[in-house]
C-alpha atoms as a PDB file:
ATOM      1  CA  UNK A   1      35.472  15.797  27.866  1.00  0.00           C
ATOM      2  CA  UNK A   2      37.762  13.003  29.175  1.00  0.00           C
ATOM      3  CA  UNK A   3      41.468  13.655  29.471  1.00  0.00           C
ATOM      4  CA  UNK A   4      43.420  12.932  26.314  1.00  0.00           C
ATOM      5  CA  UNK A   5      46.834  11.317  25.962  1.00  0.00           C
ATOM      6  CA  UNK A   6      50.085  12.820  27.154  1.00  0.00           C
ATOM      7  CA  UNK A   7      51.167  13.461  23.552  1.00  0.00           C
ATOM      8  CA  UNK A   8      50.939  17.174  22.667  1.00  0.00           C
ATOM      9  CA  UNK A   9      48.735  17.578  19.613  1.00  0.00           C
ATOM     10  CA  UNK A  10      51.270  20.007  18.110  1.00  0.00           C
ATOM     11  CA  UNK A  11      53.707  17.080  17.880  1.00  0.00           C
ATOM     12  CA  UNK A  12      51.244  15.498  15.446  1.00  0.00           C
ATOM     13  CA  UNK A  13      51.183  18.492  13.096  1.00  0.00           C
ATOM     14  CA  UNK A  14      53.775  19.336  10.449  1.00  0.00           C
ATOM     15  CA  UNK A  15      56.368  21.915  11.456  1.00  0.00           C
ATOM     16  CA  UNK A  16      58.397  22.545   8.310  1.00  0.00           C
ATOM     17  CA  UNK A  17      60.741  24.897  10.174  1.00  0.00           C
ATOM     18  CA  UNK A  18      62.107  21.885  12.084  1.00  0.00           C
ATOM     19  CA  UNK A  19      62.244  19.470   9.149  1.00  0.00           C
ATOM     20  CA  UNK A  20      64.832  18.903   6.439  1.00  0.00           C
ATOM     21  CA  UNK A  21      62.224  18.949   3.672  1.00  0.00           C
ATOM     22  CA  UNK A  22      61.945  15.173   3.914  1.00  0.00           C
ATOM     23  CA  UNK A  23      58.592  14.891   2.136  1.00  0.00           C
ATOM     24  CA  UNK A  24      60.179  16.775  -0.782  1.00  0.00           C
ATOM     25  CA  UNK A  25      62.997  14.242  -0.902  1.00  0.00           C
ATOM     26  CA  UNK A  26      61.814  10.802   0.096  1.00  0.00           C
ATOM     27  CA  UNK A  27      58.385  10.683  -1.558  1.00  0.00           C
ATOM     28  CA  UNK A  28      58.096   9.746  -5.251  1.00  0.00           C
ATOM     29  CA  UNK A  29      55.594  11.291  -7.627  1.00  0.00           C
ATOM     30  CA  UNK A  30      54.646  10.906 -11.249  1.00  0.00           C
ATOM     31  CA  UNK A  31      53.903  13.654 -13.733  1.00  0.00           C
ATOM     32  CA  UNK A  32      50.135  14.087 -13.756  1.00  0.00           C
ATOM     33  CA  UNK A  33      47.416  16.597 -12.996  1.00  0.00           C
ATOM     34  CA  UNK A  34      48.782  16.653  -9.436  1.00  0.00           C
ATOM     35  CA  UNK A  35      52.488  16.963 -10.209  1.00  0.00           C
ATOM     36  CA  UNK A  36      54.295  18.844 -12.971  1.00  0.00           C
ATOM     37  CA  UNK A  37      57.154  16.348 -13.147  1.00  0.00           C
ATOM     38  CA  UNK A  38      58.243  12.832 -12.238  1.00  0.00           C
ATOM     39  CA  UNK A  39      60.527  12.340  -9.249  1.00  0.00           C
ATOM     40  CA  UNK A  40      61.917   9.119  -7.784  1.00  0.00           C
ATOM     41  CA  UNK A  41      61.897   8.282  -4.077  1.00  0.00           C
ATOM     42  CA  UNK A  42      64.996   9.717  -2.415  1.00  0.00           C
ATOM     43  CA  UNK A  43      65.533  12.313  -5.125  1.00  0.00           C
ATOM     44  CA  UNK A  44      65.188  15.943  -3.943  1.00  0.00           C
ATOM     45  CA  UNK A  45      62.501  17.961  -5.685  1.00  0.00           C
ATOM     46  CA  UNK A  46      64.105  20.643  -7.886  1.00  0.00           C
ATOM     47  CA  UNK A  47      61.923  23.232  -6.143  1.00  0.00           C
ATOM     48  CA  UNK A  48      63.482  22.498  -2.753  1.00  0.00           C
ATOM     49  CA  UNK A  49      65.645  25.420  -1.622  1.00  0.00           C
ATOM     50  CA  UNK A  50      68.921  25.262   0.289  1.00  0.00           C
ATOM     51  CA  UNK A  51      67.114  26.046   3.556  1.00  0.00           C
ATOM     52  CA  UNK A  52      64.921  22.935   3.089  1.00  0.00           C
ATOM     53  CA  UNK A  53      61.895  25.068   2.238  1.00  0.00           C
ATOM     54  CA  UNK A  54      59.779  24.893  -0.915  1.00  0.00           C
ATOM     55  CA  UNK A  55      60.859  27.585  -3.360  1.00  0.00           C
ATOM     56  CA  UNK A  56      57.407  27.806  -4.935  1.00  0.00           C
ATOM     57  CA  UNK A  57      55.237  27.210  -1.868  1.00  0.00           C
ATOM     58  CA  UNK A  58      52.994  30.211  -2.547  1.00  0.00           C
ATOM     59  CA  UNK A  59      52.547  29.167  -6.196  1.00  0.00           C
ATOM     60  CA  UNK A  60      52.261  25.392  -5.970  1.00  0.00           C
ATOM     61  CA  UNK A  61      48.921  25.153  -7.763  1.00  0.00           C
ATOM     62  CA  UNK A  62      49.954  27.605 -10.480  1.00  0.00           C
ATOM     63  CA  UNK A  63      53.141  25.609 -11.037  1.00  0.00           C
ATOM     64  CA  UNK A  64      51.285  22.292 -11.342  1.00  0.00           C
ATOM     65  CA  UNK A  65      51.973  20.844  -7.889  1.00  0.00           C
ATOM     66  CA  UNK A  66      48.443  20.553  -6.512  1.00  0.00           C
ATOM     67  CA  UNK A  67      49.401  17.236  -4.930  1.00  0.00           C
ATOM     68  CA  UNK A  68      51.784  19.012  -2.587  1.00  0.00           C
ATOM     69  CA  UNK A  69      49.050  21.310  -1.286  1.00  0.00           C
ATOM     70  CA  UNK A  70      47.024  18.442   0.167  1.00  0.00           C
ATOM     71  CA  UNK A  71      49.891  16.587   1.848  1.00  0.00           C
ATOM     72  CA  UNK A  72      50.490  16.625   5.604  1.00  0.00           C
ATOM     73  CA  UNK A  73      53.140  14.544   7.384  1.00  0.00           C
ATOM     74  CA  UNK A  74      51.376  14.802  10.777  1.00  0.00           C
ATOM     75  CA  UNK A  75      54.660  15.677  12.469  1.00  0.00           C
ATOM     76  CA  UNK A  76      56.655  12.747  11.128  1.00  0.00           C
ATOM     77  CA  UNK A  77      59.095  15.012   9.274  1.00  0.00           C
ATOM     78  CA  UNK A  78      60.326  16.956  12.273  1.00  0.00           C
ATOM     79  CA  UNK A  79      60.382  13.813  14.458  1.00  0.00           C
ATOM     80  CA  UNK A  80      62.783  12.129  12.033  1.00  0.00           C
ATOM     81  CA  UNK A  81      64.837  15.256  11.418  1.00  0.00           C
ATOM     82  CA  UNK A  82      65.316  16.331  15.022  1.00  0.00           C
ATOM     83  CA  UNK A  83      64.999  13.099  16.985  1.00  0.00           C
ATOM     84  CA  UNK A  84      65.682   9.993  14.907  1.00  0.00           C
ATOM     85  CA  UNK A  85      68.589  11.575  13.022  1.00  0.00           C
ATOM     86  CA  UNK A  86      69.567  14.020  15.750  1.00  0.00           C
ATOM     87  CA  UNK A  87      69.536  17.145  13.595  1.00  0.00           C
ATOM     88  CA  UNK A  88      71.796  15.679  10.899  1.00  0.00           C
ATOM     89  CA  UNK A  89      70.423  16.703   7.522  1.00  0.00           C
ATOM     90  CA  UNK A  90      70.756  14.778   4.282  1.00  0.00           C
ATOM     91  CA  UNK A  91      72.791  17.488   2.558  1.00  0.00           C
ATOM     92  CA  UNK A  92      75.572  17.493   5.159  1.00  0.00           C
ATOM     93  CA  UNK A  93      75.256  13.728   5.574  1.00  0.00           C
ATOM     94  CA  UNK A  94      74.285  12.318   2.153  1.00  0.00           C
ATOM     95  CA  UNK A  95      74.969   8.788   3.411  1.00  0.00           C
ATOM     96  CA  UNK A  96      71.805   9.091   5.526  1.00  0.00           C
ATOM     97  CA  UNK A  97      69.474   9.830   2.621  1.00  0.00           C
ATOM     98  CA  UNK A  98      68.718   6.160   1.722  1.00  0.00           C
ATOM     99  CA  UNK A  99      67.931   5.376   5.362  1.00  0.00           C
ATOM    100  CA  UNK A 100      65.731   8.462   5.713  1.00  0.00           C
ATOM    101  CA  UNK A 101      63.882   7.425   2.561  1.00  0.00           C
ATOM    102  CA  UNK A 102      63.220   3.994   4.034  1.00  0.00           C
ATOM    103  CA  UNK A 103      62.206   5.126   7.519  1.00  0.00           C
ATOM    104  CA  UNK A 104      60.061   8.161   6.678  1.00  0.00           C
ATOM    105  CA  UNK A 105      56.940   6.287   5.413  1.00  0.00           C
ATOM    106  CA  UNK A 106      56.970   4.156   8.575  1.00  0.00           C
ATOM    107  CA  UNK A 107      57.164   7.194  10.827  1.00  0.00           C
ATOM    108  CA  UNK A 108      54.352   8.852   8.869  1.00  0.00           C
ATOM    109  CA  UNK A 109      52.228   5.725   9.335  1.00  0.00           C
ATOM    110  CA  UNK A 110      52.885   5.693  13.084  1.00  0.00           C
ATOM    111  CA  UNK A 111      52.053   9.383  13.431  1.00  0.00           C
ATOM    112  CA  UNK A 112      48.748   8.873  11.621  1.00  0.00           C
ATOM    113  CA  UNK A 113      47.858   6.099  14.070  1.00  0.00           C
ATOM    114  CA  UNK A 114      48.856   8.362  16.965  1.00  0.00           C
ATOM    115  CA  UNK A 115      46.627  11.157  15.630  1.00  0.00           C
ATOM    116  CA  UNK A 116      43.594   8.890  15.476  1.00  0.00           C
ATOM    117  CA  UNK A 117      44.252   7.208  18.829  1.00  0.00           C
ATOM    118  CA  UNK A 118      44.764  10.597  20.467  1.00  0.00           C
ATOM    119  CA  UNK A 119      41.274  11.614  19.359  1.00  0.00           C
ATOM    120  CA  UNK A 120      39.742   8.241  20.185  1.00  0.00           C
ATOM    121  CA  UNK A 121      40.980   8.561  23.767  1.00  0.00           C
ATOM    122  CA  UNK A 122      38.965  11.776  24.147  1.00  0.00           C
ATOM    123  CA  UNK A 123      35.639  10.321  22.990  1.00  0.00           C
ATOM    124  CA  UNK A 124      33.145   9.983  25.857  1.00  0.00           C
ATOM    125  CA  UNK A 125      31.736   6.809  24.345  1.00  0.00           C
ATOM    126  CA  UNK A 126      35.174   5.172  24.251  1.00  0.00           C
ATOM    127  CA  UNK A 127      35.311   4.810  28.043  1.00  0.00           C
ATOM    128  CA  UNK A 128      35.156   0.967  27.946  1.00  0.00           C
ATOM    129  CA  UNK A 129      38.328   0.791  25.813  1.00  0.00           C
ATOM    130  CA  UNK A 130      40.094   3.978  26.931  1.00  0.00           C
ATOM    131  CA  UNK A 131      42.661   2.106  28.987  1.00  0.00           C
ATOM    132  CA  UNK A 132      43.645  -0.012  25.987  1.00  0.00           C
ATOM    133  CA  UNK A 133      43.803   3.071  23.783  1.00  0.00           C
ATOM    134  CA  UNK A 134      46.083   4.855  26.240  1.00  0.00           C
ATOM    135  CA  UNK A 135      48.381   1.846  26.476  1.00  0.00           C
ATOM    136  CA  UNK A 136      48.638   1.657  22.698  1.00  0.00           C
ATOM    137  CA  UNK A 137      49.321   5.381  22.504  1.00  0.00           C
ATOM    138  CA  UNK A 138      52.215   4.946  24.900  1.00  0.00           C
ATOM    139  CA  UNK A 139      53.545   1.948  22.963  1.00  0.00           C
ATOM    140  CA  UNK A 140      53.462   3.732  19.606  1.00  0.00           C
ATOM    141  CA  UNK A 141      54.810   6.998  20.980  1.00  0.00           C
ATOM    142  CA  UNK A 142      57.721   5.141  22.564  1.00  0.00           C
ATOM    143  CA  UNK A 143      58.386   3.377  19.258  1.00  0.00           C
ATOM    144  CA  UNK A 144      58.595   6.666  17.345  1.00  0.00           C
ATOM    145  CA  UNK A 145      61.375   7.735  19.717  1.00  0.00           C
ATOM    146  CA  UNK A 146      63.576   4.721  18.971  1.00  0.00           C
ATOM    147  CA  UNK A 147      66.461   4.599  16.491  1.00  0.00           C
ATOM    148  CA  UNK A 148      66.036   4.024  12.766  1.00  0.00           C
ATOM    149  CA  UNK A 149      66.940   0.338  13.010  1.00  0.00           C
ATOM    150  CA  UNK A 150      64.239  -0.319  15.584  1.00  0.00           C
ATOM    151  CA  UNK A 151      61.679   1.523  13.462  1.00  0.00           C
ATOM    152  CA  UNK A 152      62.561  -0.619  10.456  1.00  0.00           C
ATOM    153  CA  UNK A 153      62.203  -3.844  12.439  1.00  0.00           C
ATOM    154  CA  UNK A 154      58.841  -2.958  13.974  1.00  0.00           C
ATOM    155  CA  UNK A 155      55.876  -5.075  12.887  1.00  0.00           C
ATOM    156  CA  UNK A 156      53.765  -2.254  11.450  1.00  0.00           C
ATOM    157  CA  UNK A 157      50.996  -4.486  10.028  1.00  0.00           C
ATOM    158  CA  UNK A 158      50.397  -5.980  13.471  1.00  0.00           C
ATOM    159  CA  UNK A 159      50.451  -2.558  15.153  1.00  0.00           C
ATOM    160  CA  UNK A 160      48.095  -1.164  12.513  1.00  0.00           C
ATOM    161  CA  UNK A 161      45.667  -4.057  12.982  1.00  0.00           C
ATOM    162  CA  UNK A 162      45.610  -3.586  16.757  1.00  0.00           C
ATOM    163  CA  UNK A 163      45.074   0.164  16.443  1.00  0.00           C
ATOM    164  CA  UNK A 164      42.406  -0.285  13.772  1.00  0.00           C
ATOM    165  CA  UNK A 165      40.455  -2.615  16.054  1.00  0.00           C
ATOM    166  CA  UNK A 166      40.520  -0.052  18.858  1.00  0.00           C
ATOM    167  CA  UNK A 167      39.502   2.793  16.556  1.00  0.00           C
ATOM    168  CA  UNK A 168      36.660   0.763  15.084  1.00  0.00           C
ATOM    169  CA  UNK A 169      35.335  -0.045  18.547  1.00  0.00           C
ATOM    170  CA  UNK A 170      35.740   3.505  19.865  1.00  0.00           C
ATOM    171  CA  UNK A 171      34.025   4.935  16.796  1.00  0.00           C
ATOM    172  CA  UNK A 172      31.101   2.542  17.031  1.00  0.00           C
ATOM    173  CA  UNK A 173      30.566   3.234  20.730  1.00  0.00           C
ATOM    174  CA  UNK A 174      30.684   6.991  20.200  1.00  0.00           C
ATOM    175  CA  UNK A 175      28.375   6.976  17.173  1.00  0.00           C
ATOM    176  CA  UNK A 176      25.736   4.953  18.997  1.00  0.00           C
ATOM    177  CA  UNK A 177      25.589   7.637  21.691  1.00  0.00           C
ATOM    178  CA  UNK A 178      24.251  10.046  19.075  1.00  0.00           C
ATOM    179  CA  UNK A 179      22.245   7.768  16.790  1.00  0.00           C
ATOM    180  CA  UNK A 180      21.140   4.246  17.781  1.00  0.00           C
ATOM    181  CA  UNK A 181      20.625   3.254  14.149  1.00  0.00           C
ATOM    182  CA  UNK A 182      23.239   5.171  12.131  1.00  0.00           C
ATOM    183  CA  UNK A 183      23.626   4.705   8.411  1.00  0.00           C
ATOM    184  CA  UNK A 184      26.254   2.190   7.314  1.00  0.00           C
ATOM    185  CA  UNK A 185      28.269   3.388   4.317  1.00  0.00           C
ATOM    186  CA  UNK A 186      31.520   1.716   5.268  1.00  0.00           C
ATOM    187  CA  UNK A 187      33.727   1.383   2.146  1.00  0.00           C
ATOM    188  CA  UNK A 188      30.743   2.405  -0.008  1.00  0.00           C
ATOM    189  CA  UNK A 189      31.367   3.847  -3.461  1.00  0.00           C
ATOM    190  CA  UNK A 190      29.632   7.221  -3.298  1.00  0.00           C
ATOM    191  CA  UNK A 191      31.752   8.818  -5.995  1.00  0.00           C
ATOM    192  CA  UNK A 192      29.984  11.811  -7.549  1.00  0.00           C
ATOM    193  CA  UNK A 193      26.781  11.231  -5.577  1.00  0.00           C
ATOM    194  CA  UNK A 194      24.361  14.081  -4.895  1.00  0.00           C
ATOM    195  CA  UNK A 195      24.180  14.083  -1.086  1.00  0.00           C
ATOM    196  CA  UNK A 196      23.174  17.688  -0.604  1.00  0.00           C
ATOM    197  CA  UNK A 197      21.522  18.171   2.789  1.00  0.00           C
ATOM    198  CA  UNK A 198      21.937  14.470   3.634  1.00  0.00           C
ATOM    199  CA  UNK A 199      21.422  13.373   7.231  1.00  0.00           C
ATOM    200  CA  UNK A 200      24.645  11.476   7.855  1.00  0.00           C
ATOM    201  CA  UNK A 201      24.800  12.122  11.571  1.00  0.00           C
ATOM    202  CA  UNK A 202      26.851   9.355  13.240  1.00  0.00           C
ATOM    203  CA  UNK A 203      27.043   7.465   9.928  1.00  0.00           C
ATOM    204  CA  UNK A 204      29.791   4.932   9.307  1.00  0.00           C
ATOM    205  CA  UNK A 205      31.758   6.306   6.353  1.00  0.00           C
ATOM    206  CA  UNK A 206      35.018   4.524   7.084  1.00  0.00           C
ATOM    207  CA  UNK A 207      36.924   4.003   3.848  1.00  0.00           C
ATOM    208  CA  UNK A 208      34.033   5.362   1.751  1.00  0.00           C
ATOM    209  CA  UNK A 209      34.775   6.780  -1.697  1.00  0.00           C
ATOM    210  CA  UNK A 210      33.321  10.284  -1.733  1.00  0.00           C
ATOM    211  CA  UNK A 211      35.385  11.592  -4.631  1.00  0.00           C
ATOM    212  CA  UNK A 212      33.540  14.492  -6.243  1.00  0.00           C
ATOM    213  CA  UNK A 213      30.410  13.878  -4.158  1.00  0.00           C
ATOM    214  CA  UNK A 214      28.258  16.896  -3.276  1.00  0.00           C
ATOM    215  CA  UNK A 215      27.787  17.074   0.490  1.00  0.00           C
ATOM    216  CA  UNK A 216      26.628  20.672   0.560  1.00  0.00           C
ATOM    217  CA  UNK A 217      24.896  21.372   3.906  1.00  0.00           C
ATOM    218  CA  UNK A 218      25.122  17.690   4.888  1.00  0.00           C
ATOM    219  CA  UNK A 219      25.045  16.785   8.583  1.00  0.00           C
ATOM    220  CA  UNK A 220      28.247  14.844   9.307  1.00  0.00           C
ATOM    221  CA  UNK A 221      28.344  15.360  13.047  1.00  0.00           C
ATOM    222  CA  UNK A 222      29.822  12.321  14.825  1.00  0.00           C
ATOM    223  CA  UNK A 223      30.195  10.536  11.469  1.00  0.00           C
ATOM    224  CA  UNK A 224      33.202   8.207  11.270  1.00  0.00           C
ATOM    225  CA  UNK A 225      35.357   9.429   8.373  1.00  0.00           C
ATOM    226  CA  UNK A 226      38.448   7.351   9.026  1.00  0.00           C
ATOM    227  CA  UNK A 227      40.087   6.680   5.661  1.00  0.00           C
ATOM    228  CA  UNK A 228      37.244   8.245   3.646  1.00  0.00           C
ATOM    229  CA  UNK A 229      38.405   9.600   0.287  1.00  0.00           C
ATOM    230  CA  UNK A 230      37.344  13.250   0.162  1.00  0.00           C
ATOM    231  CA  UNK A 231      39.155  14.307  -2.994  1.00  0.00           C
ATOM    232  CA  UNK A 232      37.156  17.121  -4.645  1.00  0.00           C
ATOM    233  CA  UNK A 233      34.248  16.421  -2.278  1.00  0.00           C
ATOM    234  CA  UNK A 234      32.020  19.502  -1.962  1.00  0.00           C
ATOM    235  CA  UNK A 235      31.561  20.385   1.700  1.00  0.00           C
ATOM    236  CA  UNK A 236      30.027  23.856   1.353  1.00  0.00           C
ATOM    237  CA  UNK A 237      27.976  24.542   4.462  1.00  0.00           C
ATOM    238  CA  UNK A 238      28.422  20.978   5.735  1.00  0.00           C
ATOM    239  CA  UNK A 239      28.733  20.325   9.462  1.00  0.00           C
ATOM    240  CA  UNK A 240      31.834  18.275  10.275  1.00  0.00           C
ATOM    241  CA  UNK A 241      32.389  19.982  13.623  1.00  0.00           C
ATOM    242  CA  UNK A 242      32.363  16.716  15.549  1.00  0.00           C
ATOM    243  CA  UNK A 243      33.272  14.272  12.773  1.00  0.00           C
ATOM    244  CA  UNK A 244      35.318  11.319  13.988  1.00  0.00           C
ATOM    245  CA  UNK A 245      38.882  10.648  12.825  1.00  0.00           C
ATOM    246  CA  UNK A 246      38.955  13.442  10.262  1.00  0.00           C
ATOM    247  CA  UNK A 247      42.469  14.552   9.259  1.00  0.00           C
ATOM    248  CA  UNK A 248      43.975  17.669   7.737  1.00  0.00           C
ATOM    249  CA  UNK A 249      44.914  15.896   4.483  1.00  0.00           C
ATOM    250  CA  UNK A 250      41.277  14.874   4.005  1.00  0.00           C
ATOM    251  CA  UNK A 251      40.130  18.475   4.433  1.00  0.00           C
ATOM    252  CA  UNK A 252      42.903  19.729   2.163  1.00  0.00           C
ATOM    253  CA  UNK A 253      41.736  17.407  -0.604  1.00  0.00           C
ATOM    254  CA  UNK A 254      38.097  18.530  -0.331  1.00  0.00           C
ATOM    255  CA  UNK A 255      36.304  21.748  -1.273  1.00  0.00           C
ATOM    256  CA  UNK A 256      34.522  23.891   1.279  1.00  0.00           C
ATOM    257  CA  UNK A 257      33.603  27.442   2.199  1.00  0.00           C
ATOM    258  CA  UNK A 258      33.369  29.703   5.229  1.00  0.00           C
ATOM    259  CA  UNK A 259      30.065  28.079   6.204  1.00  0.00           C
ATOM    260  CA  UNK A 260      31.684  24.640   6.481  1.00  0.00           C
ATOM    261  CA  UNK A 261      32.031  23.672  10.127  1.00  0.00           C
ATOM    262  CA  UNK A 262      35.192  21.742  10.982  1.00  0.00           C
ATOM    263  CA  UNK A 263      36.756  20.387  14.200  1.00  0.00           C
ATOM    264  CA  UNK A 264      38.573  23.020  16.240  1.00  0.00           C
ATOM    265  CA  UNK A 265      41.902  21.176  16.046  1.00  0.00           C
ATOM    266  CA  UNK A 266      41.972  21.306  12.235  1.00  0.00           C
ATOM    267  CA  UNK A 267      42.694  24.270   9.969  1.00  0.00           C
ATOM    268  CA  UNK A 268      40.410  25.612   7.271  1.00  0.00           C
ATOM    269  CA  UNK A 269      42.323  25.126   3.967  1.00  0.00           C
ATOM    270  CA  UNK A 270      43.410  28.383   2.334  1.00  0.00           C
ATOM    271  CA  UNK A 271      42.109  27.295  -1.092  1.00  0.00           C
ATOM    272  CA  UNK A 272      38.509  26.940   0.114  1.00  0.00           C
ATOM    273  CA  UNK A 273      36.140  29.566  -1.237  1.00  0.00           C
ATOM    274  CA  UNK A 274      35.254  32.591   0.927  1.00  0.00           C
END
């Protein structure tokens, strides 16, 4: 396996012990099947304790906060808390809360790009574009370490477009190593489809809607799942061990079991069936 970027993967995973509960403050949500109440952006959730931890974390689903169980900041929370704002929390410095609310979504976006580029750099098939991927990793990582004003001025659409082009190319090159004629389901609406046992090896499923689809025992090795909507997708016994660009939030939103094979750098969700 080629060497990956200099960014430690743990920096791209949430560490709530080093965060000021920013996702529980800056993100808005509306009362629905996912959230038991409506909360505006910048308003602390009433379940947020004084130590910046969730007071009902072990009972989120029972209390009507299923939406919280599938969220993952990919390390953006602790980066803002400890680096951008230098350990100054919004309770002791309430004047910072509006700025934190504005900057947080941008940092989350950058960390998601870093996660995907980190994995793209390790793909054997991405060798022709690895140098460009590494340069973009360095550029984005450096940006996340700048002050809040610089983060707000950054041209995120342009950075996203450049990263997306690299990821698309890296994914295509890697998939063709494993299947010269892979299935193309990019942005396809596969909501509720019966795909049990489907051969989706190296398939292009970028941006596909797989909400409620049944992928029991499906072969998703080397399939590109960047941006695929896996809410309530059944993954019992499916093989995603080498799926491309899969994230923890996608797994958290899906349903699986102990027979589901996932990448080694992701965690099997606790709500999946034994």
